[in-house]
Amino acid sequence: MRHRFHAICPNFAMFPETFVEKHLAASKYDGIVFDPFCSRGTTIFESLLRDRNAAGCDVHSVAACITGAKASPTVEHDFCFIVN
């Protein structure tokens, strides 16, 4: 099921989370997933949802900020607390 955080700041260069799911399934679980062009954080976010270690970077400061916000382990919990 598609996570609602994937709708945050979409851009033309994004790829579907199913692309990440397929590659995560074929990689070692104990490795580190690195995305050198993290953009809006699809790879990082999907990796963290699957309890994988992940890191990324991007030259665009807004992209790095979006990825950092999506990767925060308390984002969804805090959001639900504020809304509810």
PDB file of N, CA and C in Angstrom:
ATOM      1  N   MET A   1       0.840  -1.177   0.000  1.00  0.00           N
ATOM      2  CA  MET A   1       0.000   0.000   0.000  1.00  0.00           C
ATOM      3  C   MET A   1       0.892   1.249   0.000  1.00  0.00           C
ATOM      4  N   ARG A   2       0.530   2.205  -0.784  1.00  0.00           N
ATOM      5  CA  ARG A   2       1.302   3.446  -0.898  1.00  0.00           C
ATOM      6  C   ARG A   2       1.176   4.269   0.380  1.00  0.00           C
ATOM      7  N   HIS A   3       2.320   4.676   0.904  1.00  0.00           N
ATOM      8  CA  HIS A   3       2.338   5.507   2.109  1.00  0.00           C
ATOM      9  C   HIS A   3       2.002   6.940   1.715  1.00  0.00           C
ATOM     10  N   ARG A   4       1.216   7.613   2.531  1.00  0.00           N
ATOM     11  CA  ARG A   4       0.766   8.972   2.193  1.00  0.00           C
ATOM     12  C   ARG A   4       1.904   9.990   2.144  1.00  0.00           C
ATOM     13  N   PHE A   5       3.028   9.711   2.775  1.00  0.00           N
ATOM     14  CA  PHE A   5       4.156  10.648   2.736  1.00  0.00           C
ATOM     15  C   PHE A   5       4.765  10.756   1.338  1.00  0.00           C
ATOM     16  N   HIS A   6       4.479   9.791   0.438  1.00  0.00           N
ATOM     17  CA  HIS A   6       5.026   9.873  -0.916  1.00  0.00           C
ATOM     18  C   HIS A   6       4.407  11.022  -1.714  1.00  0.00           C
ATOM     19  N   ALA A   7       3.310  11.570  -1.246  1.00  0.00           N
ATOM     20  CA  ALA A   7       2.664  12.688  -1.938  1.00  0.00           C
ATOM     21  C   ALA A   7       3.304  14.034  -1.594  1.00  0.00           C
ATOM     22  N   ILE A   8       4.236  14.049  -0.648  1.00  0.00           N
ATOM     23  CA  ILE A   8       4.888  15.293  -0.240  1.00  0.00           C
ATOM     24  C   ILE A   8       5.848  15.760  -1.327  1.00  0.00           C
ATOM     25  N   CYS A   9       5.644  16.955  -1.824  1.00  0.00           N
ATOM     26  CA  CYS A   9       6.526  17.603  -2.804  1.00  0.00           C
ATOM     27  C   CYS A   9       6.915  16.714  -3.982  1.00  0.00           C
ATOM     28  N   PRO A  10       5.954  16.244  -4.764  1.00  0.00           N
ATOM     29  CA  PRO A  10       6.316  15.429  -5.924  1.00  0.00           C
ATOM     30  C   PRO A  10       7.096  16.251  -6.947  1.00  0.00           C
ATOM     31  N   ASN A  11       7.921  15.576  -7.740  1.00  0.00           N
ATOM     32  CA  ASN A  11       8.645  16.267  -8.803  1.00  0.00           C
ATOM     33  C   ASN A  11       8.729  15.371 -10.026  1.00  0.00           C
ATOM     34  N   PHE A  12       9.132  15.931 -11.149  1.00  0.00           N
ATOM     35  CA  PHE A  12       9.114  15.192 -12.407  1.00  0.00           C
ATOM     36  C   PHE A  12      10.132  14.056 -12.452  1.00  0.00           C
ATOM     37  N   ALA A  13      11.173  14.110 -11.647  1.00  0.00           N
ATOM     38  CA  ALA A  13      12.234  13.099 -11.701  1.00  0.00           C
ATOM     39  C   ALA A  13      12.014  11.936 -10.740  1.00  0.00           C
ATOM     40  N   MET A  14      10.922  11.951 -10.007  1.00  0.00           N
ATOM     41  CA  MET A  14      10.702  10.898  -9.016  1.00  0.00           C
ATOM     42  C   MET A  14      10.377   9.570  -9.698  1.00  0.00           C
ATOM     43  N   PHE A  15      10.694   8.489  -9.004  1.00  0.00           N
ATOM     44  CA  PHE A  15      10.319   7.169  -9.494  1.00  0.00           C
ATOM     45  C   PHE A  15       9.421   6.515  -8.459  1.00  0.00           C
ATOM     46  N   PRO A  16       8.631   5.521  -8.867  1.00  0.00           N
ATOM     47  CA  PRO A  16       7.665   4.924  -7.938  1.00  0.00           C
ATOM     48  C   PRO A  16       8.342   4.131  -6.828  1.00  0.00           C
ATOM     49  N   GLU A  17       7.684   4.080  -5.679  1.00  0.00           N
ATOM     50  CA  GLU A  17       8.234   3.338  -4.548  1.00  0.00           C
ATOM     51  C   GLU A  17       8.360   1.850  -4.853  1.00  0.00           C
ATOM     52  N   THR A  18       7.588   1.349  -5.813  1.00  0.00           N
ATOM     53  CA  THR A  18       7.709  -0.067  -6.184  1.00  0.00           C
ATOM     54  C   THR A  18       9.091  -0.362  -6.771  1.00  0.00           C
ATOM     55  N   PHE A  19       9.702   0.620  -7.412  1.00  0.00           N
ATOM     56  CA  PHE A  19      11.065   0.468  -7.928  1.00  0.00           C
ATOM     57  C   PHE A  19      12.035   0.219  -6.776  1.00  0.00           C
ATOM     58  N   VAL A  20      11.868   0.982  -5.707  1.00  0.00           N
ATOM     59  CA  VAL A  20      12.723   0.828  -4.524  1.00  0.00           C
ATOM     60  C   VAL A  20      12.448  -0.513  -3.852  1.00  0.00           C
ATOM     61  N   GLU A  21      11.181  -0.877  -3.703  1.00  0.00           N
ATOM     62  CA  GLU A  21      10.814  -2.148  -3.070  1.00  0.00           C
ATOM     63  C   GLU A  21      11.500  -3.321  -3.760  1.00  0.00           C
ATOM     64  N   LYS A  22      11.477  -3.325  -5.081  1.00  0.00           N
ATOM     65  CA  LYS A  22      12.081  -4.408  -5.863  1.00  0.00           C
ATOM     66  C   LYS A  22      13.585  -4.510  -5.590  1.00  0.00           C
ATOM     67  N   HIS A  23      14.268  -3.380  -5.560  1.00  0.00           N
ATOM     68  CA  HIS A  23      15.713  -3.391  -5.349  1.00  0.00           C
ATOM     69  C   HIS A  23      16.087  -3.688  -3.898  1.00  0.00           C
ATOM     70  N   LEU A  24      15.260  -3.260  -2.957  1.00  0.00           N
ATOM     71  CA  LEU A  24      15.525  -3.596  -1.557  1.00  0.00           C
ATOM     72  C   LEU A  24      15.387  -5.097  -1.331  1.00  0.00           C
ATOM     73  N   ALA A  25      14.420  -5.704  -1.982  1.00  0.00           N
ATOM     74  CA  ALA A  25      14.210  -7.147  -1.838  1.00  0.00           C
ATOM     75  C   ALA A  25      15.399  -7.947  -2.365  1.00  0.00           C
ATOM     76  N   ALA A  26      16.121  -7.380  -3.317  1.00  0.00           N
ATOM     77  CA  ALA A  26      17.257  -8.075  -3.921  1.00  0.00           C
ATOM     78  C   ALA A  26      18.595  -7.730  -3.264  1.00  0.00           C
ATOM     79  N   SER A  27      18.582  -6.903  -2.228  1.00  0.00           N
ATOM     80  CA  SER A  27      19.837  -6.491  -1.597  1.00  0.00           C
ATOM     81  C   SER A  27      19.982  -7.092  -0.203  1.00  0.00           C
ATOM     82  N   LYS A  28      21.196  -7.018   0.330  1.00  0.00           N
ATOM     83  CA  LYS A  28      21.469  -7.547   1.666  1.00  0.00           C
ATOM     84  C   LYS A  28      20.763  -6.705   2.719  1.00  0.00           C
ATOM     85  N   TYR A  29      20.126  -7.379   3.672  1.00  0.00           N
ATOM     86  CA  TYR A  29      19.385  -6.683   4.716  1.00  0.00           C
ATOM     87  C   TYR A  29      20.308  -5.881   5.631  1.00  0.00           C
ATOM     88  N   ASP A  30      21.495  -6.402   5.922  1.00  0.00           N
ATOM     89  CA  ASP A  30      22.381  -5.740   6.881  1.00  0.00           C
ATOM     90  C   ASP A  30      23.268  -4.668   6.253  1.00  0.00           C
ATOM     91  N   GLY A  31      23.095  -4.403   4.989  1.00  0.00           N
ATOM     92  CA  GLY A  31      23.875  -3.364   4.332  1.00  0.00           C
ATOM     93  C   GLY A  31      23.265  -1.991   4.555  1.00  0.00           C
ATOM     94  N   ILE A  32      23.924  -0.981   4.025  1.00  0.00           N
ATOM     95  CA  ILE A  32      23.417   0.387   4.103  1.00  0.00           C
ATOM     96  C   ILE A  32      22.927   0.789   2.716  1.00  0.00           C
ATOM     97  N   VAL A  33      21.719   1.286   2.651  1.00  0.00           N
ATOM     98  CA  VAL A  33      21.159   1.779   1.398  1.00  0.00           C
ATOM     99  C   VAL A  33      21.591   3.237   1.264  1.00  0.00           C
ATOM    100  N   PHE A  34      22.307   3.548   0.190  1.00  0.00           N
ATOM    101  CA  PHE A  34      22.782   4.915  -0.026  1.00  0.00           C
ATOM    102  C   PHE A  34      22.188   5.472  -1.308  1.00  0.00           C
ATOM    103  N   ASP A  35      21.600   6.635  -1.217  1.00  0.00           N
ATOM    104  CA  ASP A  35      21.031   7.313  -2.379  1.00  0.00           C
ATOM    105  C   ASP A  35      21.768   8.637  -2.562  1.00  0.00           C
ATOM    106  N   PRO A  36      22.677   8.723  -3.556  1.00  0.00           N
ATOM    107  CA  PRO A  36      23.472   9.937  -3.741  1.00  0.00           C
ATOM    108  C   PRO A  36      22.691  11.114  -4.328  1.00  0.00           C
ATOM    109  N   PHE A  37      21.476  10.863  -4.800  1.00  0.00           N
ATOM    110  CA  PHE A  37      20.616  11.920  -5.345  1.00  0.00           C
ATOM    111  C   PHE A  37      19.231  11.749  -4.725  1.00  0.00           C
ATOM    112  N   CYS A  38      19.126  11.991  -3.433  1.00  0.00           N
ATOM    113  CA  CYS A  38      17.926  11.597  -2.684  1.00  0.00           C
ATOM    114  C   CYS A  38      16.665  12.356  -3.063  1.00  0.00           C
ATOM    115  N   SER A  39      16.783  13.497  -3.681  1.00  0.00           N
ATOM    116  CA  SER A  39      15.626  14.263  -4.129  1.00  0.00           C
ATOM    117  C   SER A  39      14.581  14.386  -3.032  1.00  0.00           C
ATOM    118  N   ARG A  40      13.419  13.786  -3.209  1.00  0.00           N
ATOM    119  CA  ARG A  40      12.363  13.918  -2.195  1.00  0.00           C
ATOM    120  C   ARG A  40      12.316  12.754  -1.218  1.00  0.00           C
ATOM    121  N   GLY A  41      13.305  11.859  -1.265  1.00  0.00           N
ATOM    122  CA  GLY A  41      13.477  10.855  -0.221  1.00  0.00           C
ATOM    123  C   GLY A  41      12.768   9.530  -0.376  1.00  0.00           C
ATOM    124  N   THR A  42      12.335   9.183  -1.583  1.00  0.00           N
ATOM    125  CA  THR A  42      11.624   7.917  -1.774  1.00  0.00           C
ATOM    126  C   THR A  42      12.461   6.730  -1.328  1.00  0.00           C
ATOM    127  N   THR A  43      13.712   6.669  -1.759  1.00  0.00           N
ATOM    128  CA  THR A  43      14.573   5.537  -1.409  1.00  0.00           C
ATOM    129  C   THR A  43      14.840   5.483   0.087  1.00  0.00           C
ATOM    130  N   ILE A  44      15.168   6.609   0.674  1.00  0.00           N
ATOM    131  CA  ILE A  44      15.451   6.656   2.110  1.00  0.00           C
ATOM    132  C   ILE A  44      14.211   6.263   2.905  1.00  0.00           C
ATOM    133  N   PHE A  45      13.076   6.845   2.566  1.00  0.00           N
ATOM    134  CA  PHE A  45      11.839   6.587   3.298  1.00  0.00           C
ATOM    135  C   PHE A  45      11.421   5.122   3.196  1.00  0.00           C
ATOM    136  N   GLU A  46      11.430   4.560   1.995  1.00  0.00           N
ATOM    137  CA  GLU A  46      11.052   3.151   1.823  1.00  0.00           C
ATOM    138  C   GLU A  46      12.025   2.228   2.557  1.00  0.00           C
ATOM    139  N   SER A  47      13.291   2.573   2.564  1.00  0.00           N
ATOM    140  CA  SER A  47      14.285   1.772   3.286  1.00  0.00           C
ATOM    141  C   SER A  47      13.993   1.771   4.778  1.00  0.00           C
ATOM    142  N   LEU A  48      13.727   2.938   5.325  1.00  0.00           N
ATOM    143  CA  LEU A  48      13.449   3.044   6.755  1.00  0.00           C
ATOM    144  C   LEU A  48      12.145   2.350   7.131  1.00  0.00           C
ATOM    145  N   LEU A  49      11.150   2.381   6.250  1.00  0.00           N
ATOM    146  CA  LEU A  49       9.899   1.663   6.509  1.00  0.00           C
ATOM    147  C   LEU A  49      10.135   0.160   6.646  1.00  0.00           C
ATOM    148  N   ARG A  50      11.189  -0.324   5.998  1.00  0.00           N
ATOM    149  CA  ARG A  50      11.523  -1.749   6.027  1.00  0.00           C
ATOM    150  C   ARG A  50      12.666  -2.056   6.999  1.00  0.00           C
ATOM    151  N   ASP A  51      12.884  -1.163   7.951  1.00  0.00           N
ATOM    152  CA  ASP A  51      13.926  -1.332   8.975  1.00  0.00           C
ATOM    153  C   ASP A  51      15.313  -1.529   8.394  1.00  0.00           C
ATOM    154  N   ARG A  52      15.623  -0.805   7.332  1.00  0.00           N
ATOM    155  CA  ARG A  52      16.940  -0.859   6.717  1.00  0.00           C
ATOM    156  C   ARG A  52      17.704   0.402   7.103  1.00  0.00           C
ATOM    157  N   ASN A  53      19.013   0.306   7.187  1.00  0.00           N
ATOM    158  CA  ASN A  53      19.857   1.483   7.403  1.00  0.00           C
ATOM    159  C   ASN A  53      19.962   2.224   6.081  1.00  0.00           C
ATOM    160  N   ALA A  54      19.783   3.531   6.114  1.00  0.00           N
ATOM    161  CA  ALA A  54      19.790   4.300   4.875  1.00  0.00           C
ATOM    162  C   ALA A  54      20.445   5.655   5.077  1.00  0.00           C
ATOM    163  N   ALA A  55      21.052   6.144   4.011  1.00  0.00           N
ATOM    164  CA  ALA A  55      21.670   7.468   4.009  1.00  0.00           C
ATOM    165  C   ALA A  55      21.529   8.041   2.606  1.00  0.00           C
ATOM    166  N   GLY A  56      21.546   9.347   2.518  1.00  0.00           N
ATOM    167  CA  GLY A  56      21.446   9.979   1.214  1.00  0.00           C
ATOM    168  C   GLY A  56      21.946  11.402   1.258  1.00  0.00           C
ATOM    169  N   CYS A  57      22.108  11.983   0.084  1.00  0.00           N
ATOM    170  CA  CYS A  57      22.518  13.374  -0.014  1.00  0.00           C
ATOM    171  C   CYS A  57      21.950  13.955  -1.302  1.00  0.00           C
ATOM    172  N   ASP A  58      21.950  15.254  -1.372  1.00  0.00           N
ATOM    173  CA  ASP A  58      21.482  15.943  -2.569  1.00  0.00           C
ATOM    174  C   ASP A  58      22.083  17.341  -2.554  1.00  0.00           C
ATOM    175  N   VAL A  59      22.441  17.863  -3.714  1.00  0.00           N
ATOM    176  CA  VAL A  59      23.011  19.204  -3.774  1.00  0.00           C
ATOM    177  C   VAL A  59      21.947  20.276  -3.562  1.00  0.00           C
ATOM    178  N   HIS A  60      20.704  19.924  -3.757  1.00  0.00           N
ATOM    179  CA  HIS A  60      19.604  20.869  -3.578  1.00  0.00           C
ATOM    180  C   HIS A  60      19.182  20.860  -2.113  1.00  0.00           C
ATOM    181  N   SER A  61      19.333  21.981  -1.441  1.00  0.00           N
ATOM    182  CA  SER A  61      19.073  22.036   0.001  1.00  0.00           C
ATOM    183  C   SER A  61      17.613  21.751   0.354  1.00  0.00           C
ATOM    184  N   VAL A  62      16.676  22.141  -0.496  1.00  0.00           N
ATOM    185  CA  VAL A  62      15.264  21.860  -0.224  1.00  0.00           C
ATOM    186  C   VAL A  62      15.007  20.361  -0.301  1.00  0.00           C
ATOM    187  N   ALA A  63      15.606  19.692  -1.278  1.00  0.00           N
ATOM    188  CA  ALA A  63      15.451  18.242  -1.405  1.00  0.00           C
ATOM    189  C   ALA A  63      16.000  17.535  -0.173  1.00  0.00           C
ATOM    190  N   ALA A  64      17.161  17.954   0.286  1.00  0.00           N
ATOM    191  CA  ALA A  64      17.751  17.346   1.481  1.00  0.00           C
ATOM    192  C   ALA A  64      16.869  17.589   2.702  1.00  0.00           C
ATOM    193  N   CYS A  65      16.262  18.749   2.780  1.00  0.00           N
ATOM    194  CA  CYS A  65      15.366  19.068   3.895  1.00  0.00           C
ATOM    195  C   CYS A  65      14.113  18.190   3.861  1.00  0.00           C
ATOM    196  N   ILE A  66      13.532  18.005   2.687  1.00  0.00           N
ATOM    197  CA  ILE A  66      12.348  17.152   2.548  1.00  0.00           C
ATOM    198  C   ILE A  66      12.679  15.723   2.939  1.00  0.00           C
ATOM    199  N   THR A  67      13.810  15.219   2.458  1.00  0.00           N
ATOM    200  CA  THR A  67      14.219  13.860   2.803  1.00  0.00           C
ATOM    201  C   THR A  67      14.424  13.730   4.303  1.00  0.00           C
ATOM    202  N   GLY A  68      15.086  14.702   4.905  1.00  0.00           N
ATOM    203  CA  GLY A  68      15.300  14.663   6.351  1.00  0.00           C
ATOM    204  C   GLY A  68      14.002  14.650   7.131  1.00  0.00           C
ATOM    205  N   ALA A  69      13.034  15.434   6.676  1.00  0.00           N
ATOM    206  CA  ALA A  69      11.734  15.469   7.355  1.00  0.00           C
ATOM    207  C   ALA A  69      11.012  14.133   7.222  1.00  0.00           C
ATOM    208  N   LYS A  70      11.058  13.536   6.035  1.00  0.00           N
ATOM    209  CA  LYS A  70      10.388  12.248   5.830  1.00  0.00           C
ATOM    210  C   LYS A  70      11.100  11.122   6.569  1.00  0.00           C
ATOM    211  N   ALA A  71      12.398  11.264   6.778  1.00  0.00           N
ATOM    212  CA  ALA A  71      13.177  10.204   7.418  1.00  0.00           C
ATOM    213  C   ALA A  71      13.149  10.277   8.940  1.00  0.00           C
ATOM    214  N   SER A  72      12.641  11.365   9.488  1.00  0.00           N
ATOM    215  CA  SER A  72      12.584  11.505  10.937  1.00  0.00           C
ATOM    216  C   SER A  72      11.715  10.405  11.526  1.00  0.00           C
ATOM    217  N   PRO A  73      12.230   9.660  12.501  1.00  0.00           N
ATOM    218  CA  PRO A  73      11.468   8.526  13.041  1.00  0.00           C
ATOM    219  C   PRO A  73      10.218   8.918  13.809  1.00  0.00           C
ATOM    220  N   THR A  74      10.069  10.191  14.151  1.00  0.00           N
ATOM    221  CA  THR A  74       8.891  10.604  14.916  1.00  0.00           C
ATOM    222  C   THR A  74       7.900  11.431  14.105  1.00  0.00           C
ATOM    223  N   VAL A  75       8.156  11.616  12.833  1.00  0.00           N
ATOM    224  CA  VAL A  75       7.295  12.479  12.027  1.00  0.00           C
ATOM    225  C   VAL A  75       5.844  12.015  12.055  1.00  0.00           C
ATOM    226  N   GLU A  76       5.588  10.771  11.706  1.00  0.00           N
ATOM    227  CA  GLU A  76       4.210  10.299  11.630  1.00  0.00           C
ATOM    228  C   GLU A  76       3.565  10.273  13.008  1.00  0.00           C
ATOM    229  N   HIS A  77       4.293   9.825  14.017  1.00  0.00           N
ATOM    230  CA  HIS A  77       3.744   9.775  15.371  1.00  0.00           C
ATOM    231  C   HIS A  77       3.364  11.175  15.845  1.00  0.00           C
ATOM    232  N   ASP A  78       4.262  12.124  15.683  1.00  0.00           N
ATOM    233  CA  ASP A  78       3.992  13.496  16.110  1.00  0.00           C
ATOM    234  C   ASP A  78       2.826  14.100  15.338  1.00  0.00           C
ATOM    235  N   PHE A  79       2.774  13.831  14.054  1.00  0.00           N
ATOM    236  CA  PHE A  79       1.696  14.356  13.226  1.00  0.00           C
ATOM    237  C   PHE A  79       0.350  13.811  13.696  1.00  0.00           C
ATOM    238  N   CYS A  80       0.280  12.513  13.940  1.00  0.00           N
ATOM    239  CA  CYS A  80      -0.968  11.903  14.407  1.00  0.00           C
ATOM    240  C   CYS A  80      -1.361  12.460  15.766  1.00  0.00           C
ATOM    241  N   PHE A  81      -0.381  12.707  16.625  1.00  0.00           N
ATOM    242  CA  PHE A  81      -0.656  13.254  17.949  1.00  0.00           C
ATOM    243  C   PHE A  81      -1.245  14.659  17.838  1.00  0.00           C
ATOM    244  N   ILE A  82      -0.681  15.468  16.966  1.00  0.00           N
ATOM    245  CA  ILE A  82      -1.151  16.846  16.794  1.00  0.00           C
ATOM    246  C   ILE A  82      -2.556  16.864  16.191  1.00  0.00           C
ATOM    247  N   VAL A  83      -2.788  16.025  15.185  1.00  0.00           N
ATOM    248  CA  VAL A  83      -4.084  15.994  14.513  1.00  0.00           C
ATOM    249  C   VAL A  83      -5.162  15.418  15.416  1.00  0.00           C
ATOM    250  N   ASN A  84      -4.831  14.362  16.131  1.00  0.00           N
ATOM    251  CA  ASN A  84      -5.825  13.705  16.979  1.00  0.00           C
ATOM    252  C   ASN A  84      -5.949  14.421  18.296  1.00  0.00           C
TER     253      ASN A  84
END
